[in-house]
Amino acid sequence: MERIRIQRLEKELLKFINNIVNYKLRDKNLEWVSISAVKLSNDISRAKIYFTFLGKKSPQDILETLTKSSGFIKKEIAAAKFLRQIPELIFLPDELEKNAQNLDKIFAKIHAEKEK
């Protein structure tokens, strides 16, 4: 039962933080940045927030900007009052997209070799 509650909170936080990043934070480094997943610890003390992005920006620059903005994001979460305890926010680049692109390249290479 507790896990269901945590999953619901993860979905709510995903929508909420995406909204903050896209509409309330006015930073050039955060253009084309999207929050792809939120994973809460069982005690809701930590939230791992995975982000994806388009463009030529480095993930490190985006990570720095999000980390600097975490105080504002936590304040917004507190104001929304859907969590009693505000978790520590840990931002991480989502490697899923990069891994998918690498797999596509490998499959294309295999396909090209088969046609030879």
PDB file of N, CA and C in Angstrom:
ATOM      1  N   MET A   1       0.817  -1.192   0.000  1.00  0.00           N
ATOM      2  CA  MET A   1       0.000   0.000   0.000  1.00  0.00           C
ATOM      3  C   MET A   1       0.865   1.263   0.000  1.00  0.00           C
ATOM      4  N   GLU A   2       1.929   1.241   0.790  1.00  0.00           N
ATOM      5  CA  GLU A   2       2.828   2.396   0.881  1.00  0.00           C
ATOM      6  C   GLU A   2       3.481   2.677  -0.473  1.00  0.00           C
ATOM      7  N   ARG A   3       3.856   1.622  -1.194  1.00  0.00           N
ATOM      8  CA  ARG A   3       4.509   1.797  -2.495  1.00  0.00           C
ATOM      9  C   ARG A   3       3.572   2.474  -3.500  1.00  0.00           C
ATOM     10  N   ILE A   4       2.290   2.165  -3.415  1.00  0.00           N
ATOM     11  CA  ILE A   4       1.305   2.798  -4.303  1.00  0.00           C
ATOM     12  C   ILE A   4       1.264   4.302  -4.030  1.00  0.00           C
ATOM     13  N   ARG A   5       1.306   4.670  -2.759  1.00  0.00           N
ATOM     14  CA  ARG A   5       1.318   6.088  -2.387  1.00  0.00           C
ATOM     15  C   ARG A   5       2.568   6.770  -2.935  1.00  0.00           C
ATOM     16  N   ILE A   6       3.707   6.110  -2.818  1.00  0.00           N
ATOM     17  CA  ILE A   6       4.965   6.681  -3.308  1.00  0.00           C
ATOM     18  C   ILE A   6       4.918   6.848  -4.823  1.00  0.00           C
ATOM     19  N   GLN A   7       4.367   5.862  -5.534  1.00  0.00           N
ATOM     20  CA  GLN A   7       4.253   5.971  -6.995  1.00  0.00           C
ATOM     21  C   GLN A   7       3.350   7.138  -7.391  1.00  0.00           C
ATOM     22  N   ARG A   8       2.268   7.334  -6.638  1.00  0.00           N
ATOM     23  CA  ARG A   8       1.372   8.460  -6.919  1.00  0.00           C
ATOM     24  C   ARG A   8       2.098   9.785  -6.686  1.00  0.00           C
ATOM     25  N   LEU A   9       2.861   9.855  -5.592  1.00  0.00           N
ATOM     26  CA  LEU A   9       3.625  11.071  -5.303  1.00  0.00           C
ATOM     27  C   LEU A   9       4.694  11.321  -6.367  1.00  0.00           C
ATOM     28  N   GLU A  10       5.321  10.259  -6.867  1.00  0.00           N
ATOM     29  CA  GLU A  10       6.325  10.406  -7.930  1.00  0.00           C
ATOM     30  C   GLU A  10       5.700  11.016  -9.179  1.00  0.00           C
ATOM     31  N   LYS A  11       4.496  10.550  -9.540  1.00  0.00           N
ATOM     32  CA  LYS A  11       3.803  11.105 -10.713  1.00  0.00           C
ATOM     33  C   LYS A  11       3.453  12.575 -10.502  1.00  0.00           C
ATOM     34  N   GLU A  12       2.963  12.898  -9.302  1.00  0.00           N
ATOM     35  CA  GLU A  12       2.621  14.288  -8.994  1.00  0.00           C
ATOM     36  C   GLU A  12       3.856  15.186  -9.047  1.00  0.00           C
ATOM     37  N   LEU A  13       4.942  14.720  -8.441  1.00  0.00           N
ATOM     38  CA  LEU A  13       6.183  15.504  -8.455  1.00  0.00           C
ATOM     39  C   LEU A  13       6.717  15.674  -9.872  1.00  0.00           C
ATOM     40  N   LEU A  14       6.620  14.637 -10.695  1.00  0.00           N
ATOM     41  CA  LEU A  14       7.077  14.714 -12.083  1.00  0.00           C
ATOM     42  C   LEU A  14       6.362  15.850 -12.813  1.00  0.00           C
ATOM     43  N   LYS A  15       5.039  15.877 -12.728  1.00  0.00           N
ATOM     44  CA  LYS A  15       4.269  16.935 -13.383  1.00  0.00           C
ATOM     45  C   LYS A  15       4.614  18.306 -12.801  1.00  0.00           C
ATOM     46  N   PHE A  16       4.674  18.366 -11.478  1.00  0.00           N
ATOM     47  CA  PHE A  16       4.887  19.634 -10.789  1.00  0.00           C
ATOM     48  C   PHE A  16       6.261  20.219 -11.101  1.00  0.00           C
ATOM     49  N   ILE A  17       7.304  19.401 -11.023  1.00  0.00           N
ATOM     50  CA  ILE A  17       8.667  19.890 -11.271  1.00  0.00           C
ATOM     51  C   ILE A  17       8.851  20.233 -12.743  1.00  0.00           C
ATOM     52  N   ASN A  18       8.245  19.454 -13.640  1.00  0.00           N
ATOM     53  CA  ASN A  18       8.291  19.787 -15.068  1.00  0.00           C
ATOM     54  C   ASN A  18       7.687  21.163 -15.308  1.00  0.00           C
ATOM     55  N   ASN A  19       6.574  21.428 -14.664  1.00  0.00           N
ATOM     56  CA  ASN A  19       5.914  22.727 -14.791  1.00  0.00           C
ATOM     57  C   ASN A  19       6.821  23.852 -14.290  1.00  0.00           C
ATOM     58  N   ILE A  20       7.467  23.635 -13.163  1.00  0.00           N
ATOM     59  CA  ILE A  20       8.372  24.654 -12.610  1.00  0.00           C
ATOM     60  C   ILE A  20       9.542  24.905 -13.554  1.00  0.00           C
ATOM     61  N   VAL A  21      10.169  23.836 -14.032  1.00  0.00           N
ATOM     62  CA  VAL A  21      11.343  23.974 -14.908  1.00  0.00           C
ATOM     63  C   VAL A  21      10.970  24.667 -16.214  1.00  0.00           C
ATOM     64  N   ASN A  22       9.812  24.318 -16.768  1.00  0.00           N
ATOM     65  CA  ASN A  22       9.436  24.861 -18.075  1.00  0.00           C
ATOM     66  C   ASN A  22       8.813  26.251 -18.021  1.00  0.00           C
ATOM     67  N   TYR A  23       8.153  26.609 -16.917  1.00  0.00           N
ATOM     68  CA  TYR A  23       7.406  27.861 -16.905  1.00  0.00           C
ATOM     69  C   TYR A  23       7.834  28.868 -15.841  1.00  0.00           C
ATOM     70  N   LYS A  24       8.412  28.417 -14.741  1.00  0.00           N
ATOM     71  CA  LYS A  24       8.741  29.358 -13.668  1.00  0.00           C
ATOM     72  C   LYS A  24      10.220  29.708 -13.603  1.00  0.00           C
ATOM     73  N   LEU A  25      11.078  28.794 -13.989  1.00  0.00           N
ATOM     74  CA  LEU A  25      12.515  29.081 -14.002  1.00  0.00           C
ATOM     75  C   LEU A  25      12.861  29.695 -15.352  1.00  0.00           C
ATOM     76  N   ARG A  26      13.330  30.893 -15.335  1.00  0.00           N
ATOM     77  CA  ARG A  26      13.661  31.591 -16.587  1.00  0.00           C
ATOM     78  C   ARG A  26      15.172  31.574 -16.772  1.00  0.00           C
ATOM     79  N   ASP A  27      15.688  30.454 -17.225  1.00  0.00           N
ATOM     80  CA  ASP A  27      17.128  30.312 -17.403  1.00  0.00           C
ATOM     81  C   ASP A  27      17.393  29.735 -18.788  1.00  0.00           C
ATOM     82  N   LYS A  28      18.319  30.334 -19.507  1.00  0.00           N
ATOM     83  CA  LYS A  28      18.655  29.879 -20.863  1.00  0.00           C
ATOM     84  C   LYS A  28      19.150  28.433 -20.871  1.00  0.00           C
ATOM     85  N   ASN A  29      19.846  28.012 -19.804  1.00  0.00           N
ATOM     86  CA  ASN A  29      20.353  26.640 -19.742  1.00  0.00           C
ATOM     87  C   ASN A  29      19.242  25.603 -19.649  1.00  0.00           C
ATOM     88  N   LEU A  30      18.048  26.030 -19.253  1.00  0.00           N
ATOM     89  CA  LEU A  30      16.963  25.074 -19.057  1.00  0.00           C
ATOM     90  C   LEU A  30      15.968  25.044 -20.209  1.00  0.00           C
ATOM     91  N   GLU A  31      16.299  25.714 -21.324  1.00  0.00           N
ATOM     92  CA  GLU A  31      15.446  25.609 -22.503  1.00  0.00           C
ATOM     93  C   GLU A  31      15.587  24.204 -23.069  1.00  0.00           C
ATOM     94  N   TRP A  32      14.480  23.593 -23.445  1.00  0.00           N
ATOM     95  CA  TRP A  32      14.439  22.248 -24.014  1.00  0.00           C
ATOM     96  C   TRP A  32      14.850  21.173 -23.007  1.00  0.00           C
ATOM     97  N   VAL A  33      14.676  21.460 -21.725  1.00  0.00           N
ATOM     98  CA  VAL A  33      14.937  20.467 -20.676  1.00  0.00           C
ATOM     99  C   VAL A  33      13.599  19.914 -20.206  1.00  0.00           C
ATOM    100  N   SER A  34      13.552  18.616 -20.036  1.00  0.00           N
ATOM    101  CA  SER A  34      12.338  17.959 -19.572  1.00  0.00           C
ATOM    102  C   SER A  34      12.681  16.982 -18.452  1.00  0.00           C
ATOM    103  N   ILE A  35      11.845  16.928 -17.459  1.00  0.00           N
ATOM    104  CA  ILE A  35      12.017  15.963 -16.376  1.00  0.00           C
ATOM    105  C   ILE A  35      11.385  14.659 -16.849  1.00  0.00           C
ATOM    106  N   SER A  36      12.183  13.586 -16.883  1.00  0.00           N
ATOM    107  CA  SER A  36      11.688  12.320 -17.424  1.00  0.00           C
ATOM    108  C   SER A  36      11.216  11.344 -16.356  1.00  0.00           C
ATOM    109  N   ALA A  37      11.754  11.443 -15.148  1.00  0.00           N
ATOM    110  CA  ALA A  37      11.343  10.519 -14.084  1.00  0.00           C
ATOM    111  C   ALA A  37      11.692  11.103 -12.723  1.00  0.00           C
ATOM    112  N   VAL A  38      10.912  10.706 -11.734  1.00  0.00           N
ATOM    113  CA  VAL A  38      11.185  11.046 -10.337  1.00  0.00           C
ATOM    114  C   VAL A  38      11.100   9.752  -9.546  1.00  0.00           C
ATOM    115  N   LYS A  39      12.124   9.463  -8.775  1.00  0.00           N
ATOM    116  CA  LYS A  39      12.154   8.263  -7.929  1.00  0.00           C
ATOM    117  C   LYS A  39      12.342   8.699  -6.483  1.00  0.00           C
ATOM    118  N   LEU A  40      11.347   8.427  -5.664  1.00  0.00           N
ATOM    119  CA  LEU A  40      11.409   8.770  -4.244  1.00  0.00           C
ATOM    120  C   LEU A  40      11.946   7.600  -3.437  1.00  0.00           C
ATOM    121  N   SER A  41      12.707   7.914  -2.394  1.00  0.00           N
ATOM    122  CA  SER A  41      13.136   6.867  -1.470  1.00  0.00           C
ATOM    123  C   SER A  41      11.913   6.424  -0.661  1.00  0.00           C
ATOM    124  N   ASN A  42      11.997   5.270  -0.027  1.00  0.00           N
ATOM    125  CA  ASN A  42      10.854   4.736   0.724  1.00  0.00           C
ATOM    126  C   ASN A  42      10.397   5.650   1.853  1.00  0.00           C
ATOM    127  N   ASP A  43      11.325   6.391   2.445  1.00  0.00           N
ATOM    128  CA  ASP A  43      10.950   7.307   3.526  1.00  0.00           C
ATOM    129  C   ASP A  43      10.690   8.734   3.022  1.00  0.00           C
ATOM    130  N   ILE A  44      10.703   8.913   1.710  1.00  0.00           N
ATOM    131  CA  ILE A  44      10.423  10.191   1.039  1.00  0.00           C
ATOM    132  C   ILE A  44      11.406  11.288   1.464  1.00  0.00           C
ATOM    133  N   SER A  45      12.593  10.909   1.885  1.00  0.00           N
ATOM    134  CA  SER A  45      13.584  11.912   2.286  1.00  0.00           C
ATOM    135  C   SER A  45      14.448  12.368   1.112  1.00  0.00           C
ATOM    136  N   ARG A  46      14.489  11.564   0.043  1.00  0.00           N
ATOM    137  CA  ARG A  46      15.287  11.906  -1.137  1.00  0.00           C
ATOM    138  C   ARG A  46      14.467  11.655  -2.400  1.00  0.00           C
ATOM    139  N   ALA A  47      14.656  12.542  -3.364  1.00  0.00           N
ATOM    140  CA  ALA A  47      14.016  12.379  -4.668  1.00  0.00           C
ATOM    141  C   ALA A  47      15.093  12.472  -5.738  1.00  0.00           C
ATOM    142  N   LYS A  48      15.264  11.386  -6.486  1.00  0.00           N
ATOM    143  CA  LYS A  48      16.161  11.417  -7.640  1.00  0.00           C
ATOM    144  C   LYS A  48      15.328  11.874  -8.825  1.00  0.00           C
ATOM    145  N   ILE A  49      15.778  12.958  -9.448  1.00  0.00           N
ATOM    146  CA  ILE A  49      15.032  13.566 -10.542  1.00  0.00           C
ATOM    147  C   ILE A  49      15.877  13.453 -11.803  1.00  0.00           C
ATOM    148  N   TYR A  50      15.368  12.697 -12.772  1.00  0.00           N
ATOM    149  CA  TYR A  50      16.090  12.458 -14.020  1.00  0.00           C
ATOM    150  C   TYR A  50      15.598  13.436 -15.076  1.00  0.00           C
ATOM    151  N   PHE A  51      16.548  14.018 -15.826  1.00  0.00           N
ATOM    152  CA  PHE A  51      16.180  14.989 -16.856  1.00  0.00           C
ATOM    153  C   PHE A  51      16.772  14.602 -18.205  1.00  0.00           C
ATOM    154  N   THR A  52      16.060  14.996 -19.256  1.00  0.00           N
ATOM    155  CA  THR A  52      16.552  14.855 -20.627  1.00  0.00           C
ATOM    156  C   THR A  52      16.582  16.249 -21.234  1.00  0.00           C
ATOM    157  N   PHE A  53      17.305  16.386 -22.337  1.00  0.00           N
ATOM    158  CA  PHE A  53      17.407  17.695 -22.971  1.00  0.00           C
ATOM    159  C   PHE A  53      17.722  17.521 -24.449  1.00  0.00           C
ATOM    160  N   LEU A  54      17.385  18.553 -25.193  1.00  0.00           N
ATOM    161  CA  LEU A  54      17.714  18.619 -26.613  1.00  0.00           C
ATOM    162  C   LEU A  54      18.702  19.752 -26.807  1.00  0.00           C
ATOM    163  N   GLY A  55      19.497  19.642 -27.832  1.00  0.00           N
ATOM    164  CA  GLY A  55      20.430  20.716 -28.129  1.00  0.00           C
ATOM    165  C   GLY A  55      21.858  20.347 -27.817  1.00  0.00           C
ATOM    166  N   LYS A  56      22.709  21.347 -27.905  1.00  0.00           N
ATOM    167  CA  LYS A  56      24.151  21.144 -27.769  1.00  0.00           C
ATOM    168  C   LYS A  56      24.675  21.431 -26.355  1.00  0.00           C
ATOM    169  N   LYS A  57      23.793  21.706 -25.426  1.00  0.00           N
ATOM    170  CA  LYS A  57      24.244  22.011 -24.066  1.00  0.00           C
ATOM    171  C   LYS A  57      24.861  20.777 -23.420  1.00  0.00           C
ATOM    172  N   SER A  58      25.775  21.023 -22.509  1.00  0.00           N
ATOM    173  CA  SER A  58      26.369  19.889 -21.799  1.00  0.00           C
ATOM    174  C   SER A  58      25.474  19.523 -20.615  1.00  0.00           C
ATOM    175  N   PRO A  59      25.374  18.240 -20.319  1.00  0.00           N
ATOM    176  CA  PRO A  59      24.560  17.829 -19.171  1.00  0.00           C
ATOM    177  C   PRO A  59      25.072  18.434 -17.861  1.00  0.00           C
ATOM    178  N   GLN A  60      26.379  18.697 -17.792  1.00  0.00           N
ATOM    179  CA  GLN A  60      26.957  19.267 -16.576  1.00  0.00           C
ATOM    180  C   GLN A  60      26.434  20.680 -16.325  1.00  0.00           C
ATOM    181  N   ASP A  61      26.300  21.490 -17.395  1.00  0.00           N
ATOM    182  CA  ASP A  61      25.766  22.850 -17.244  1.00  0.00           C
ATOM    183  C   ASP A  61      24.314  22.816 -16.765  1.00  0.00           C
ATOM    184  N   ILE A  62      23.540  21.923 -17.357  1.00  0.00           N
ATOM    185  CA  ILE A  62      22.134  21.800 -16.967  1.00  0.00           C
ATOM    186  C   ILE A  62      22.036  21.312 -15.527  1.00  0.00           C
ATOM    187  N   LEU A  63      22.872  20.349 -15.178  1.00  0.00           N
ATOM    188  CA  LEU A  63      22.890  19.814 -13.815  1.00  0.00           C
ATOM    189  C   LEU A  63      23.209  20.912 -12.798  1.00  0.00           C
ATOM    190  N   GLU A  64      24.198  21.745 -13.109  1.00  0.00           N
ATOM    191  CA  GLU A  64      24.560  22.861 -12.221  1.00  0.00           C
ATOM    192  C   GLU A  64      23.392  23.822 -12.040  1.00  0.00           C
ATOM    193  N   THR A  65      22.732  24.158 -13.148  1.00  0.00           N
ATOM    194  CA  THR A  65      21.611  25.095 -13.091  1.00  0.00           C
ATOM    195  C   THR A  65      20.463  24.519 -12.269  1.00  0.00           C
ATOM    196  N   LEU A  66      20.140  23.248 -12.495  1.00  0.00           N
ATOM    197  CA  LEU A  66      19.060  22.621 -11.733  1.00  0.00           C
ATOM    198  C   LEU A  66      19.408  22.529 -10.247  1.00  0.00           C
ATOM    199  N   THR A  67      20.658  22.211  -9.956  1.00  0.00           N
ATOM    200  CA  THR A  67      21.085  22.111  -8.559  1.00  0.00           C
ATOM    201  C   THR A  67      20.994  23.470  -7.867  1.00  0.00           C
ATOM    202  N   LYS A  68      21.403  24.524  -8.575  1.00  0.00           N
ATOM    203  CA  LYS A  68      21.305  25.876  -8.011  1.00  0.00           C
ATOM    204  C   LYS A  68      19.847  26.285  -7.799  1.00  0.00           C
ATOM    205  N   SER A  69      18.949  25.768  -8.639  1.00  0.00           N
ATOM    206  CA  SER A  69      17.530  26.115  -8.556  1.00  0.00           C
ATOM    207  C   SER A  69      16.764  25.228  -7.584  1.00  0.00           C
ATOM    208  N   SER A  70      17.425  24.256  -6.986  1.00  0.00           N
ATOM    209  CA  SER A  70      16.710  23.296  -6.137  1.00  0.00           C
ATOM    210  C   SER A  70      16.035  23.967  -4.937  1.00  0.00           C
ATOM    211  N   GLY A  71      16.626  25.024  -4.398  1.00  0.00           N
ATOM    212  CA  GLY A  71      15.995  25.744  -3.290  1.00  0.00           C
ATOM    213  C   GLY A  71      14.652  26.330  -3.693  1.00  0.00           C
ATOM    214  N   PHE A  72      14.609  26.950  -4.868  1.00  0.00           N
ATOM    215  CA  PHE A  72      13.359  27.514  -5.382  1.00  0.00           C
ATOM    216  C   PHE A  72      12.339  26.409  -5.625  1.00  0.00           C
ATOM    217  N   ILE A  73      12.785  25.303  -6.212  1.00  0.00           N
ATOM    218  CA  ILE A  73      11.880  24.184  -6.506  1.00  0.00           C
ATOM    219  C   ILE A  73      11.313  23.611  -5.202  1.00  0.00           C
ATOM    220  N   LYS A  74      12.155  23.463  -4.192  1.00  0.00           N
ATOM    221  CA  LYS A  74      11.687  22.950  -2.896  1.00  0.00           C
ATOM    222  C   LYS A  74      10.673  23.905  -2.265  1.00  0.00           C
ATOM    223  N   LYS A  75      10.913  25.200  -2.418  1.00  0.00           N
ATOM    224  CA  LYS A  75       9.984  26.199  -1.881  1.00  0.00           C
ATOM    225  C   LYS A  75       8.620  26.092  -2.578  1.00  0.00           C
ATOM    226  N   GLU A  76       8.640  25.871  -3.886  1.00  0.00           N
ATOM    227  CA  GLU A  76       7.394  25.711  -4.641  1.00  0.00           C
ATOM    228  C   GLU A  76       6.658  24.436  -4.222  1.00  0.00           C
ATOM    229  N   ILE A  77       7.406  23.355  -4.003  1.00  0.00           N
ATOM    230  CA  ILE A  77       6.791  22.097  -3.548  1.00  0.00           C
ATOM    231  C   ILE A  77       6.151  22.308  -2.176  1.00  0.00           C
ATOM    232  N   ALA A  78       6.848  23.009  -1.291  1.00  0.00           N
ATOM    233  CA  ALA A  78       6.312  23.282   0.046  1.00  0.00           C
ATOM    234  C   ALA A  78       5.039  24.123  -0.035  1.00  0.00           C
ATOM    235  N   ALA A  79       5.019  25.092  -0.943  1.00  0.00           N
ATOM    236  CA  ALA A  79       3.849  25.957  -1.090  1.00  0.00           C
ATOM    237  C   ALA A  79       2.647  25.189  -1.628  1.00  0.00           C
ATOM    238  N   ALA A  80       2.888  24.154  -2.430  1.00  0.00           N
ATOM    239  CA  ALA A  80       1.799  23.358  -2.996  1.00  0.00           C
ATOM    240  C   ALA A  80       1.139  22.478  -1.936  1.00  0.00           C
ATOM    241  N   LYS A  81       1.862  22.174  -0.867  1.00  0.00           N
ATOM    242  CA  LYS A  81       1.343  21.446   0.296  1.00  0.00           C
ATOM    243  C   LYS A  81       0.798  20.054  -0.029  1.00  0.00           C
ATOM    244  N   PHE A  82       1.419  19.342  -0.959  1.00  0.00           N
ATOM    245  CA  PHE A  82       1.002  17.954  -1.136  1.00  0.00           C
ATOM    246  C   PHE A  82       1.990  16.978  -0.510  1.00  0.00           C
ATOM    247  N   LEU A  83       3.035  17.503   0.125  1.00  0.00           N
ATOM    248  CA  LEU A  83       3.977  16.684   0.892  1.00  0.00           C
ATOM    249  C   LEU A  83       4.220  17.352   2.241  1.00  0.00           C
ATOM    250  N   ARG A  84       4.200  16.562   3.298  1.00  0.00           N
ATOM    251  CA  ARG A  84       4.523  17.114   4.620  1.00  0.00           C
ATOM    252  C   ARG A  84       6.017  17.357   4.745  1.00  0.00           C
ATOM    253  N   GLN A  85       6.787  16.401   4.248  1.00  0.00           N
ATOM    254  CA  GLN A  85       8.247  16.484   4.317  1.00  0.00           C
ATOM    255  C   GLN A  85       8.765  16.759   2.908  1.00  0.00           C
ATOM    256  N   ILE A  86       9.575  17.778   2.750  1.00  0.00           N
ATOM    257  CA  ILE A  86      10.130  18.110   1.439  1.00  0.00           C
ATOM    258  C   ILE A  86      11.422  17.311   1.267  1.00  0.00           C
ATOM    259  N   PRO A  87      11.488  16.488   0.218  1.00  0.00           N
ATOM    260  CA  PRO A  87      12.677  15.640   0.043  1.00  0.00           C
ATOM    261  C   PRO A  87      13.888  16.428  -0.453  1.00  0.00           C
ATOM    262  N   GLU A  88      15.059  15.863  -0.208  1.00  0.00           N
ATOM    263  CA  GLU A  88      16.290  16.386  -0.798  1.00  0.00           C
ATOM    264  C   GLU A  88      16.214  16.082  -2.293  1.00  0.00           C
ATOM    265  N   LEU A  89      16.486  17.066  -3.131  1.00  0.00           N
ATOM    266  CA  LEU A  89      16.387  16.892  -4.581  1.00  0.00           C
ATOM    267  C   LEU A  89      17.758  16.565  -5.156  1.00  0.00           C
ATOM    268  N   ILE A  90      17.837  15.439  -5.846  1.00  0.00           N
ATOM    269  CA  ILE A  90      19.081  15.005  -6.481  1.00  0.00           C
ATOM    270  C   ILE A  90      18.805  14.912  -7.980  1.00  0.00           C
ATOM    271  N   PHE A  91      19.430  15.780  -8.756  1.00  0.00           N
ATOM    272  CA  PHE A  91      19.219  15.806 -10.202  1.00  0.00           C
ATOM    273  C   PHE A  91      20.255  14.934 -10.898  1.00  0.00           C
ATOM    274  N   LEU A  92      19.785  14.150 -11.876  1.00  0.00           N
ATOM    275  CA  LEU A  92      20.656  13.250 -12.631  1.00  0.00           C
ATOM    276  C   LEU A  92      20.256  13.273 -14.099  1.00  0.00           C
ATOM    277  N   PRO A  93      21.238  13.273 -15.016  1.00  0.00           N
ATOM    278  CA  PRO A  93      20.883  13.177 -16.433  1.00  0.00           C
ATOM    279  C   PRO A  93      20.331  11.785 -16.728  1.00  0.00           C
ATOM    280  N   ASP A  94      19.288  11.728 -17.537  1.00  0.00           N
ATOM    281  CA  ASP A  94      18.676  10.452 -17.907  1.00  0.00           C
ATOM    282  C   ASP A  94      19.457   9.866 -19.076  1.00  0.00           C
ATOM    283  N   GLU A  95      20.094   8.753 -18.861  1.00  0.00           N
ATOM    284  CA  GLU A  95      20.938   8.116 -19.876  1.00  0.00           C
ATOM    285  C   GLU A  95      20.132   7.234 -20.828  1.00  0.00           C
ATOM    286  N   LEU A  96      18.839   7.076 -20.596  1.00  0.00           N
ATOM    287  CA  LEU A  96      18.019   6.185 -21.406  1.00  0.00           C
ATOM    288  C   LEU A  96      18.020   6.599 -22.877  1.00  0.00           C
ATOM    289  N   GLU A  97      17.858   7.886 -23.139  1.00  0.00           N
ATOM    290  CA  GLU A  97      17.833   8.386 -24.522  1.00  0.00           C
ATOM    291  C   GLU A  97      19.166   8.130 -25.222  1.00  0.00           C
ATOM    292  N   LYS A  98      20.245   8.408 -24.518  1.00  0.00           N
ATOM    293  CA  LYS A  98      21.579   8.199 -25.077  1.00  0.00           C
ATOM    294  C   LYS A  98      21.806   6.716 -25.382  1.00  0.00           C
ATOM    295  N   ASN A  99      21.392   5.854 -24.463  1.00  0.00           N
ATOM    296  CA  ASN A  99      21.538   4.412 -24.670  1.00  0.00           C
ATOM    297  C   ASN A  99      20.704   3.934 -25.854  1.00  0.00           C
ATOM    298  N   ALA A 100      19.511   4.485 -26.009  1.00  0.00           N
ATOM    299  CA  ALA A 100      18.654   4.114 -27.135  1.00  0.00           C
ATOM    300  C   ALA A 100      19.292   4.530 -28.459  1.00  0.00           C
ATOM    301  N   GLN A 101      19.904   5.707 -28.499  1.00  0.00           N
ATOM    302  CA  GLN A 101      20.577   6.154 -29.719  1.00  0.00           C
ATOM    303  C   GLN A 101      21.762   5.252 -30.044  1.00  0.00           C
ATOM    304  N   ASN A 102      22.506   4.850 -29.025  1.00  0.00           N
ATOM    305  CA  ASN A 102      23.634   3.937 -29.246  1.00  0.00           C
ATOM    306  C   ASN A 102      23.155   2.598 -29.787  1.00  0.00           C
ATOM    307  N   LEU A 103      22.051   2.090 -29.259  1.00  0.00           N
ATOM    308  CA  LEU A 103      21.497   0.828 -29.760  1.00  0.00           C
ATOM    309  C   LEU A 103      21.049   0.968 -31.209  1.00  0.00           C
ATOM    310  N   ASP A 104      20.425   2.097 -31.539  1.00  0.00           N
ATOM    311  CA  ASP A 104      20.010   2.335 -32.925  1.00  0.00           C
ATOM    312  C   ASP A 104      21.207   2.309 -33.869  1.00  0.00           C
ATOM    313  N   LYS A 105      22.316   2.918 -33.452  1.00  0.00           N
ATOM    314  CA  LYS A 105      23.529   2.920 -34.274  1.00  0.00           C
ATOM    315  C   LYS A 105      24.062   1.505 -34.461  1.00  0.00           C
ATOM    316  N   ILE A 106      24.052   0.727 -33.390  1.00  0.00           N
ATOM    317  CA  ILE A 106      24.543  -0.656 -33.469  1.00  0.00           C
ATOM    318  C   ILE A 106      23.664  -1.474 -34.402  1.00  0.00           C
ATOM    319  N   PHE A 107      22.339  -1.338 -34.277  1.00  0.00           N
ATOM    320  CA  PHE A 107      21.429  -2.082 -35.149  1.00  0.00           C
ATOM    321  C   PHE A 107      21.590  -1.663 -36.609  1.00  0.00           C
ATOM    322  N   ALA A 108      21.789  -0.375 -36.853  1.00  0.00           N
ATOM    323  CA  ALA A 108      21.993   0.106 -38.223  1.00  0.00           C
ATOM    324  C   ALA A 108      23.283  -0.470 -38.800  1.00  0.00           C
ATOM    325  N   LYS A 109      24.310  -0.545 -37.983  1.00  0.00           N
ATOM    326  CA  LYS A 109      25.591  -1.103 -38.417  1.00  0.00           C
ATOM    327  C   LYS A 109      25.445  -2.591 -38.755  1.00  0.00           C
ATOM    328  N   ILE A 110      24.742  -3.328 -37.909  1.00  0.00           N
ATOM    329  CA  ILE A 110      24.508  -4.760 -38.155  1.00  0.00           C
ATOM    330  C   ILE A 110      23.704  -4.942 -39.426  1.00  0.00           C
ATOM    331  N   HIS A 111      22.682  -4.125 -39.600  1.00  0.00           N
ATOM    332  CA  HIS A 111      21.840  -4.216 -40.796  1.00  0.00           C
ATOM    333  C   HIS A 111      22.658  -3.925 -42.060  1.00  0.00           C
ATOM    334  N   ALA A 112      23.536  -2.924 -41.987  1.00  0.00           N
ATOM    335  CA  ALA A 112      24.379  -2.573 -43.137  1.00  0.00           C
ATOM    336  C   ALA A 112      25.351  -3.703 -43.463  1.00  0.00           C
ATOM    337  N   GLU A 113      25.886  -4.368 -42.451  1.00  0.00           N
ATOM    338  CA  GLU A 113      26.815  -5.476 -42.680  1.00  0.00           C
ATOM    339  C   GLU A 113      26.110  -6.681 -43.281  1.00  0.00           C
ATOM    340  N   LYS A 114      24.859  -6.913 -42.914  1.00  0.00           N
ATOM    341  CA  LYS A 114      24.100  -8.041 -43.460  1.00  0.00           C
ATOM    342  C   LYS A 114      23.797  -7.840 -44.939  1.00  0.00           C
ATOM    343  N   GLU A 115      23.631  -6.589 -45.347  1.00  0.00           N
ATOM    344  CA  GLU A 115      23.300  -6.300 -46.740  1.00  0.00           C
ATOM    345  C   GLU A 115      24.505  -6.392 -47.659  1.00  0.00           C
ATOM    346  N   LYS A 116      25.707  -6.479 -47.112  1.00  0.00           N
ATOM    347  CA  LYS A 116      26.922  -6.556 -47.936  1.00  0.00           C
ATOM    348  C   LYS A 116      27.046  -7.886 -48.607  1.00  0.00           C
TER     349      LYS A 116
END
